[in-house]
Amino acid sequence: MKTAVSLPDRLYEDAEKTAKSLGIPRSQLFAKALEEFISHHRQTDITERLNEVYGKSDLYEDSGISIAGLEAIRELTKNDTW
């Protein structure tokens, strides 16, 4: 599908250079960038939903998971990609 978008001049120029250096058409670069952006935000949504589930205090009482243990796991995995 074709669409028209407005971009700042600098972003357009950077996109041109990047597409040229990758040897792909500019439209393919835009499509790939949009796919990656959407994928990233889907992962963020999943993480937020998981945080909601695991953020409920009654979950820990029933399962024996300690808050300190969970915080340690969160700290160790904060920069992991899903």
PDB file of N, CA and C in Angstrom:
ATOM      1  N   MET A   1       0.846  -1.169   0.000  1.00  0.00           N
ATOM      2  CA  MET A   1       0.000   0.000   0.000  1.00  0.00           C
ATOM      3  C   MET A   1       0.896   1.238   0.000  1.00  0.00           C
ATOM      4  N   LYS A   2       0.526   2.206  -0.746  1.00  0.00           N
ATOM      5  CA  LYS A   2       1.276   3.461  -0.778  1.00  0.00           C
ATOM      6  C   LYS A   2       0.684   4.419   0.232  1.00  0.00           C
ATOM      7  N   THR A   3       1.568   5.230   0.803  1.00  0.00           N
ATOM      8  CA  THR A   3       1.132   6.259   1.738  1.00  0.00           C
ATOM      9  C   THR A   3       2.109   7.422   1.653  1.00  0.00           C
ATOM     10  N   ALA A   4       1.688   8.563   2.094  1.00  0.00           N
ATOM     11  CA  ALA A   4       2.561   9.744   2.104  1.00  0.00           C
ATOM     12  C   ALA A   4       2.757  10.179   3.550  1.00  0.00           C
ATOM     13  N   VAL A   5       3.980  10.511   3.879  1.00  0.00           N
ATOM     14  CA  VAL A   5       4.288  10.999   5.220  1.00  0.00           C
ATOM     15  C   VAL A   5       5.165  12.237   5.108  1.00  0.00           C
ATOM     16  N   SER A   6       5.081  13.071   6.104  1.00  0.00           N
ATOM     17  CA  SER A   6       5.944  14.253   6.172  1.00  0.00           C
ATOM     18  C   SER A   6       7.057  13.973   7.167  1.00  0.00           C
ATOM     19  N   LEU A   7       8.278  14.290   6.759  1.00  0.00           N
ATOM     20  CA  LEU A   7       9.445  14.077   7.614  1.00  0.00           C
ATOM     21  C   LEU A   7      10.255  15.360   7.693  1.00  0.00           C
ATOM     22  N   PRO A   8      10.908  15.567   8.824  1.00  0.00           N
ATOM     23  CA  PRO A   8      11.860  16.684   8.874  1.00  0.00           C
ATOM     24  C   PRO A   8      12.986  16.423   7.862  1.00  0.00           C
ATOM     25  N   ASP A   9      13.521  17.480   7.301  1.00  0.00           N
ATOM     26  CA  ASP A   9      14.567  17.349   6.273  1.00  0.00           C
ATOM     27  C   ASP A   9      15.729  16.482   6.747  1.00  0.00           C
ATOM     28  N   ARG A  10      16.154  16.695   7.964  1.00  0.00           N
ATOM     29  CA  ARG A  10      17.310  15.952   8.495  1.00  0.00           C
ATOM     30  C   ARG A  10      17.024  14.449   8.554  1.00  0.00           C
ATOM     31  N   LEU A  11      15.833  14.083   9.000  1.00  0.00           N
ATOM     32  CA  LEU A  11      15.463  12.670   9.084  1.00  0.00           C
ATOM     33  C   LEU A  11      15.401  12.057   7.686  1.00  0.00           C
ATOM     34  N   TYR A  12      14.855  12.779   6.751  1.00  0.00           N
ATOM     35  CA  TYR A  12      14.776  12.299   5.370  1.00  0.00           C
ATOM     36  C   TYR A  12      16.183  12.063   4.807  1.00  0.00           C
ATOM     37  N   GLU A  13      17.077  13.017   5.033  1.00  0.00           N
ATOM     38  CA  GLU A  13      18.450  12.884   4.533  1.00  0.00           C
ATOM     39  C   GLU A  13      19.150  11.689   5.177  1.00  0.00           C
ATOM     40  N   ASP A  14      18.953  11.509   6.476  1.00  0.00           N
ATOM     41  CA  ASP A  14      19.546  10.353   7.159  1.00  0.00           C
ATOM     42  C   ASP A  14      18.981   9.046   6.620  1.00  0.00           C
ATOM     43  N   ALA A  15      17.694   9.035   6.329  1.00  0.00           N
ATOM     44  CA  ALA A  15      17.069   7.840   5.771  1.00  0.00           C
ATOM     45  C   ALA A  15      17.629   7.539   4.385  1.00  0.00           C
ATOM     46  N   GLU A  16      17.808   8.551   3.594  1.00  0.00           N
ATOM     47  CA  GLU A  16      18.389   8.381   2.253  1.00  0.00           C
ATOM     48  C   GLU A  16      19.779   7.751   2.356  1.00  0.00           C
ATOM     49  N   LYS A  17      20.611   8.315   3.228  1.00  0.00           N
ATOM     50  CA  LYS A  17      21.981   7.805   3.389  1.00  0.00           C
ATOM     51  C   LYS A  17      21.974   6.372   3.896  1.00  0.00           C
ATOM     52  N   THR A  18      21.115   6.081   4.854  1.00  0.00           N
ATOM     53  CA  THR A  18      21.056   4.741   5.427  1.00  0.00           C
ATOM     54  C   THR A  18      20.586   3.725   4.394  1.00  0.00           C
ATOM     55  N   ALA A  19      19.538   4.049   3.667  1.00  0.00           N
ATOM     56  CA  ALA A  19      19.033   3.138   2.633  1.00  0.00           C
ATOM     57  C   ALA A  19      20.111   2.873   1.580  1.00  0.00           C
ATOM     58  N   LYS A  20      20.801   3.927   1.194  1.00  0.00           N
ATOM     59  CA  LYS A  20      21.857   3.782   0.181  1.00  0.00           C
ATOM     60  C   LYS A  20      22.986   2.897   0.697  1.00  0.00           C
ATOM     61  N   SER A  21      23.390   3.115   1.955  1.00  0.00           N
ATOM     62  CA  SER A  21      24.489   2.310   2.508  1.00  0.00           C
ATOM     63  C   SER A  21      24.092   0.845   2.691  1.00  0.00           C
ATOM     64  N   LEU A  22      22.802   0.586   2.905  1.00  0.00           N
ATOM     65  CA  LEU A  22      22.316  -0.790   3.045  1.00  0.00           C
ATOM     66  C   LEU A  22      21.983  -1.424   1.700  1.00  0.00           C
ATOM     67  N   GLY A  23      21.935  -0.588   0.660  1.00  0.00           N
ATOM     68  CA  GLY A  23      21.620  -1.094  -0.666  1.00  0.00           C
ATOM     69  C   GLY A  23      20.164  -1.505  -0.822  1.00  0.00           C
ATOM     70  N   ILE A  24      19.277  -0.795  -0.122  1.00  0.00           N
ATOM     71  CA  ILE A  24      17.849  -1.101  -0.214  1.00  0.00           C
ATOM     72  C   ILE A  24      17.084   0.166  -0.586  1.00  0.00           C
ATOM     73  N   PRO A  25      15.901   0.006  -1.161  1.00  0.00           N
ATOM     74  CA  PRO A  25      15.090   1.189  -1.469  1.00  0.00           C
ATOM     75  C   PRO A  25      14.659   1.899  -0.181  1.00  0.00           C
ATOM     76  N   ARG A  26      14.473   3.185  -0.272  1.00  0.00           N
ATOM     77  CA  ARG A  26      14.046   3.982   0.878  1.00  0.00           C
ATOM     78  C   ARG A  26      12.730   3.457   1.466  1.00  0.00           C
ATOM     79  N   SER A  27      11.803   3.072   0.616  1.00  0.00           N
ATOM     80  CA  SER A  27      10.518   2.574   1.107  1.00  0.00           C
ATOM     81  C   SER A  27      10.696   1.296   1.927  1.00  0.00           C
ATOM     82  N   GLN A  28      11.650   0.463   1.533  1.00  0.00           N
ATOM     83  CA  GLN A  28      11.927  -0.754   2.294  1.00  0.00           C
ATOM     84  C   GLN A  28      12.527  -0.406   3.656  1.00  0.00           C
ATOM     85  N   LEU A  29      13.376   0.600   3.684  1.00  0.00           N
ATOM     86  CA  LEU A  29      13.941   1.060   4.953  1.00  0.00           C
ATOM     87  C   LEU A  29      12.831   1.545   5.886  1.00  0.00           C
ATOM     88  N   PHE A  30      11.907   2.343   5.347  1.00  0.00           N
ATOM     89  CA  PHE A  30      10.805   2.851   6.166  1.00  0.00           C
ATOM     90  C   PHE A  30       9.940   1.707   6.684  1.00  0.00           C
ATOM     91  N   ALA A  31       9.659   0.730   5.832  1.00  0.00           N
ATOM     92  CA  ALA A  31       8.831  -0.407   6.245  1.00  0.00           C
ATOM     93  C   ALA A  31       9.515  -1.197   7.352  1.00  0.00           C
ATOM     94  N   LYS A  32      10.820  -1.437   7.195  1.00  0.00           N
ATOM     95  CA  LYS A  32      11.569  -2.187   8.213  1.00  0.00           C
ATOM     96  C   LYS A  32      11.618  -1.412   9.526  1.00  0.00           C
ATOM     97  N   ALA A  33      11.845  -0.117   9.449  1.00  0.00           N
ATOM     98  CA  ALA A  33      11.898   0.709  10.658  1.00  0.00           C
ATOM     99  C   ALA A  33      10.548   0.687  11.387  1.00  0.00           C
ATOM    100  N   LEU A  34       9.467   0.756  10.642  1.00  0.00           N
ATOM    101  CA  LEU A  34       8.136   0.732  11.246  1.00  0.00           C
ATOM    102  C   LEU A  34       7.855  -0.634  11.876  1.00  0.00           C
ATOM    103  N   GLU A  35       8.261  -1.710  11.209  1.00  0.00           N
ATOM    104  CA  GLU A  35       8.087  -3.054  11.779  1.00  0.00           C
ATOM    105  C   GLU A  35       8.824  -3.185  13.104  1.00  0.00           C
ATOM    106  N   GLU A  36      10.065  -2.711  13.136  1.00  0.00           N
ATOM    107  CA  GLU A  36      10.851  -2.792  14.368  1.00  0.00           C
ATOM    108  C   GLU A  36      10.242  -1.935  15.473  1.00  0.00           C
ATOM    109  N   PHE A  37       9.746  -0.770  15.145  1.00  0.00           N
ATOM    110  CA  PHE A  37       9.112   0.120  16.115  1.00  0.00           C
ATOM    111  C   PHE A  37       7.875  -0.554  16.719  1.00  0.00           C
ATOM    112  N   ILE A  38       7.037  -1.124  15.860  1.00  0.00           N
ATOM    113  CA  ILE A  38       5.825  -1.791  16.339  1.00  0.00           C
ATOM    114  C   ILE A  38       6.174  -3.005  17.184  1.00  0.00           C
ATOM    115  N   SER A  39       7.150  -3.773  16.755  1.00  0.00           N
ATOM    116  CA  SER A  39       7.578  -4.950  17.517  1.00  0.00           C
ATOM    117  C   SER A  39       8.072  -4.549  18.904  1.00  0.00           C
ATOM    118  N   HIS A  40       8.852  -3.492  18.972  1.00  0.00           N
ATOM    119  CA  HIS A  40       9.362  -3.008  20.257  1.00  0.00           C
ATOM    120  C   HIS A  40       8.214  -2.625  21.184  1.00  0.00           C
ATOM    121  N   HIS A  41       7.223  -1.948  20.651  1.00  0.00           N
ATOM    122  CA  HIS A  41       6.109  -1.511  21.486  1.00  0.00           C
ATOM    123  C   HIS A  41       5.219  -2.673  21.906  1.00  0.00           C
ATOM    124  N   ARG A  42       5.116  -3.695  21.084  1.00  0.00           N
ATOM    125  CA  ARG A  42       4.384  -4.898  21.493  1.00  0.00           C
ATOM    126  C   ARG A  42       5.099  -5.553  22.663  1.00  0.00           C
ATOM    127  N   GLN A  43       6.428  -5.620  22.599  1.00  0.00           N
ATOM    128  CA  GLN A  43       7.200  -6.212  23.688  1.00  0.00           C
ATOM    129  C   GLN A  43       7.030  -5.395  24.963  1.00  0.00           C
ATOM    130  N   THR A  44       6.992  -4.076  24.822  1.00  0.00           N
ATOM    131  CA  THR A  44       6.787  -3.211  25.977  1.00  0.00           C
ATOM    132  C   THR A  44       5.421  -3.464  26.588  1.00  0.00           C
ATOM    133  N   ASP A  45       4.396  -3.620  25.749  1.00  0.00           N
ATOM    134  CA  ASP A  45       3.045  -3.912  26.242  1.00  0.00           C
ATOM    135  C   ASP A  45       3.021  -5.222  27.013  1.00  0.00           C
ATOM    136  N   ILE A  46       3.697  -6.246  26.493  1.00  0.00           N
ATOM    137  CA  ILE A  46       3.741  -7.538  27.168  1.00  0.00           C
ATOM    138  C   ILE A  46       4.429  -7.399  28.515  1.00  0.00           C
ATOM    139  N   THR A  47       5.533  -6.686  28.556  1.00  0.00           N
ATOM    140  CA  THR A  47       6.257  -6.485  29.812  1.00  0.00           C
ATOM    141  C   THR A  47       5.382  -5.759  30.824  1.00  0.00           C
ATOM    142  N   GLU A  48       4.661  -4.737  30.377  1.00  0.00           N
ATOM    143  CA  GLU A  48       3.788  -3.995  31.285  1.00  0.00           C
ATOM    144  C   GLU A  48       2.680  -4.887  31.834  1.00  0.00           C
ATOM    145  N   ARG A  49       2.115  -5.746  30.993  1.00  0.00           N
ATOM    146  CA  ARG A  49       1.066  -6.652  31.470  1.00  0.00           C
ATOM    147  C   ARG A  49       1.623  -7.672  32.450  1.00  0.00           C
ATOM    148  N   LEU A  50       2.809  -8.181  32.166  1.00  0.00           N
ATOM    149  CA  LEU A  50       3.435  -9.116  33.105  1.00  0.00           C
ATOM    150  C   LEU A  50       3.738  -8.435  34.430  1.00  0.00           C
ATOM    151  N   ASN A  51       4.203  -7.194  34.369  1.00  0.00           N
ATOM    152  CA  ASN A  51       4.472  -6.450  35.600  1.00  0.00           C
ATOM    153  C   ASN A  51       3.204  -6.267  36.415  1.00  0.00           C
ATOM    154  N   GLU A  52       2.073  -6.049  35.752  1.00  0.00           N
ATOM    155  CA  GLU A  52       0.801  -5.924  36.466  1.00  0.00           C
ATOM    156  C   GLU A  52       0.460  -7.213  37.191  1.00  0.00           C
ATOM    157  N   VAL A  53       0.611  -8.331  36.499  1.00  0.00           N
ATOM    158  CA  VAL A  53       0.285  -9.630  37.101  1.00  0.00           C
ATOM    159  C   VAL A  53       1.200  -9.911  38.288  1.00  0.00           C
ATOM    160  N   TYR A  54       2.496  -9.751  38.068  1.00  0.00           N
ATOM    161  CA  TYR A  54       3.452 -10.085  39.121  1.00  0.00           C
ATOM    162  C   TYR A  54       3.559  -8.996  40.181  1.00  0.00           C
ATOM    163  N   GLY A  55       2.933  -7.857  39.941  1.00  0.00           N
ATOM    164  CA  GLY A  55       2.938  -6.777  40.918  1.00  0.00           C
ATOM    165  C   GLY A  55       1.875  -6.928  41.991  1.00  0.00           C
ATOM    166  N   LYS A  56       1.003  -7.897  41.829  1.00  0.00           N
ATOM    167  CA  LYS A  56      -0.061  -8.120  42.807  1.00  0.00           C
ATOM    168  C   LYS A  56       0.516  -8.835  44.023  1.00  0.00           C
ATOM    169  N   SER A  57       0.359  -8.244  45.193  1.00  0.00           N
ATOM    170  CA  SER A  57       0.966  -8.790  46.405  1.00  0.00           C
ATOM    171  C   SER A  57       0.378 -10.137  46.801  1.00  0.00           C
ATOM    172  N   ASP A  58      -0.896 -10.399  46.534  1.00  0.00           N
ATOM    173  CA  ASP A  58      -1.483 -11.676  46.920  1.00  0.00           C
ATOM    174  C   ASP A  58      -0.901 -12.840  46.125  1.00  0.00           C
ATOM    175  N   LEU A  59      -0.322 -12.575  44.974  1.00  0.00           N
ATOM    176  CA  LEU A  59       0.314 -13.610  44.182  1.00  0.00           C
ATOM    177  C   LEU A  59       1.491 -14.209  44.938  1.00  0.00           C
ATOM    178  N   TYR A  60       2.242 -13.364  45.620  1.00  0.00           N
ATOM    179  CA  TYR A  60       3.428 -13.827  46.329  1.00  0.00           C
ATOM    180  C   TYR A  60       3.064 -14.616  47.577  1.00  0.00           C
ATOM    181  N   GLU A  61       2.012 -14.201  48.244  1.00  0.00           N
ATOM    182  CA  GLU A  61       1.601 -14.888  49.465  1.00  0.00           C
ATOM    183  C   GLU A  61       1.223 -16.330  49.174  1.00  0.00           C
ATOM    184  N   ASP A  62       0.537 -16.563  48.066  1.00  0.00           N
ATOM    185  CA  ASP A  62       0.084 -17.908  47.722  1.00  0.00           C
ATOM    186  C   ASP A  62       1.207 -18.778  47.161  1.00  0.00           C
ATOM    187  N   SER A  63       2.180 -18.199  46.504  1.00  0.00           N
ATOM    188  CA  SER A  63       3.186 -19.000  45.816  1.00  0.00           C
ATOM    189  C   SER A  63       4.497 -19.134  46.578  1.00  0.00           C
ATOM    190  N   GLY A  64       4.683 -18.364  47.620  1.00  0.00           N
ATOM    191  CA  GLY A  64       5.926 -18.435  48.375  1.00  0.00           C
ATOM    192  C   GLY A  64       7.056 -17.633  47.759  1.00  0.00           C
ATOM    193  N   ILE A  65       6.788 -16.846  46.736  1.00  0.00           N
ATOM    194  CA  ILE A  65       7.808 -16.003  46.112  1.00  0.00           C
ATOM    195  C   ILE A  65       8.046 -14.796  47.011  1.00  0.00           C
ATOM    196  N   SER A  66       9.303 -14.510  47.302  1.00  0.00           N
ATOM    197  CA  SER A  66       9.594 -13.353  48.142  1.00  0.00           C
ATOM    198  C   SER A  66       9.711 -12.099  47.286  1.00  0.00           C
ATOM    199  N   ILE A  67       9.324 -10.985  47.861  1.00  0.00           N
ATOM    200  CA  ILE A  67       9.443  -9.702  47.163  1.00  0.00           C
ATOM    201  C   ILE A  67      10.908  -9.420  46.858  1.00  0.00           C
ATOM    202  N   ALA A  68      11.793  -9.694  47.805  1.00  0.00           N
ATOM    203  CA  ALA A  68      13.221  -9.443  47.592  1.00  0.00           C
ATOM    204  C   ALA A  68      13.750 -10.292  46.442  1.00  0.00           C
ATOM    205  N   GLY A  69      13.313 -11.537  46.356  1.00  0.00           N
ATOM    206  CA  GLY A  69      13.745 -12.411  45.273  1.00  0.00           C
ATOM    207  C   GLY A  69      13.259 -11.912  43.923  1.00  0.00           C
ATOM    208  N   LEU A  70      12.018 -11.463  43.894  1.00  0.00           N
ATOM    209  CA  LEU A  70      11.463 -10.941  42.653  1.00  0.00           C
ATOM    210  C   LEU A  70      12.190  -9.671  42.224  1.00  0.00           C
ATOM    211  N   GLU A  71      12.480  -8.798  43.177  1.00  0.00           N
ATOM    212  CA  GLU A  71      13.221  -7.576  42.843  1.00  0.00           C
ATOM    213  C   GLU A  71      14.608  -7.903  42.312  1.00  0.00           C
ATOM    214  N   ALA A  72      15.243  -8.928  42.863  1.00  0.00           N
ATOM    215  CA  ALA A  72      16.560  -9.337  42.379  1.00  0.00           C
ATOM    216  C   ALA A  72      16.466  -9.830  40.935  1.00  0.00           C
ATOM    217  N   ILE A  73      15.425 -10.598  40.636  1.00  0.00           N
ATOM    218  CA  ILE A  73      15.233 -11.096  39.265  1.00  0.00           C
ATOM    219  C   ILE A  73      14.970  -9.928  38.320  1.00  0.00           C
ATOM    220  N   ARG A  74      14.136  -8.983  38.753  1.00  0.00           N
ATOM    221  CA  ARG A  74      13.865  -7.815  37.906  1.00  0.00           C
ATOM    222  C   ARG A  74      15.145  -7.045  37.607  1.00  0.00           C
ATOM    223  N   GLU A  75      15.984  -6.876  38.610  1.00  0.00           N
ATOM    224  CA  GLU A  75      17.231  -6.131  38.416  1.00  0.00           C
ATOM    225  C   GLU A  75      18.145  -6.867  37.452  1.00  0.00           C
ATOM    226  N   LEU A  76      18.235  -8.181  37.580  1.00  0.00           N
ATOM    227  CA  LEU A  76      19.110  -8.971  36.712  1.00  0.00           C
ATOM    228  C   LEU A  76      18.617  -9.008  35.272  1.00  0.00           C
ATOM    229  N   THR A  77      17.326  -8.885  35.058  1.00  0.00           N
ATOM    230  CA  THR A  77      16.772  -9.023  33.708  1.00  0.00           C
ATOM    231  C   THR A  77      16.270  -7.716  33.105  1.00  0.00           C
ATOM    232  N   LYS A  78      16.548  -6.590  33.738  1.00  0.00           N
ATOM    233  CA  LYS A  78      15.993  -5.320  33.275  1.00  0.00           C
ATOM    234  C   LYS A  78      16.430  -4.945  31.868  1.00  0.00           C
ATOM    235  N   ASN A  79      17.588  -5.375  31.431  1.00  0.00           N
ATOM    236  CA  ASN A  79      18.066  -5.006  30.094  1.00  0.00           C
ATOM    237  C   ASN A  79      17.943  -6.161  29.093  1.00  0.00           C
ATOM    238  N   ASP A  80      17.293  -7.231  29.505  1.00  0.00           N
ATOM    239  CA  ASP A  80      17.106  -8.361  28.589  1.00  0.00           C
ATOM    240  C   ASP A  80      16.091  -7.988  27.515  1.00  0.00           C
ATOM    241  N   THR A  81      16.296  -8.536  26.337  1.00  0.00           N
ATOM    242  CA  THR A  81      15.316  -8.373  25.273  1.00  0.00           C
ATOM    243  C   THR A  81      14.517  -9.640  25.192  1.00  0.00           C
ATOM    244  N   TRP A  82      13.257  -9.520  24.845  1.00  0.00           N
ATOM    245  CA  TRP A  82      12.371 -10.688  24.819  1.00  0.00           C
ATOM    246  C   TRP A  82      12.306 -11.239  23.452  1.00  0.00           C
TER     247      TRP A  82
END
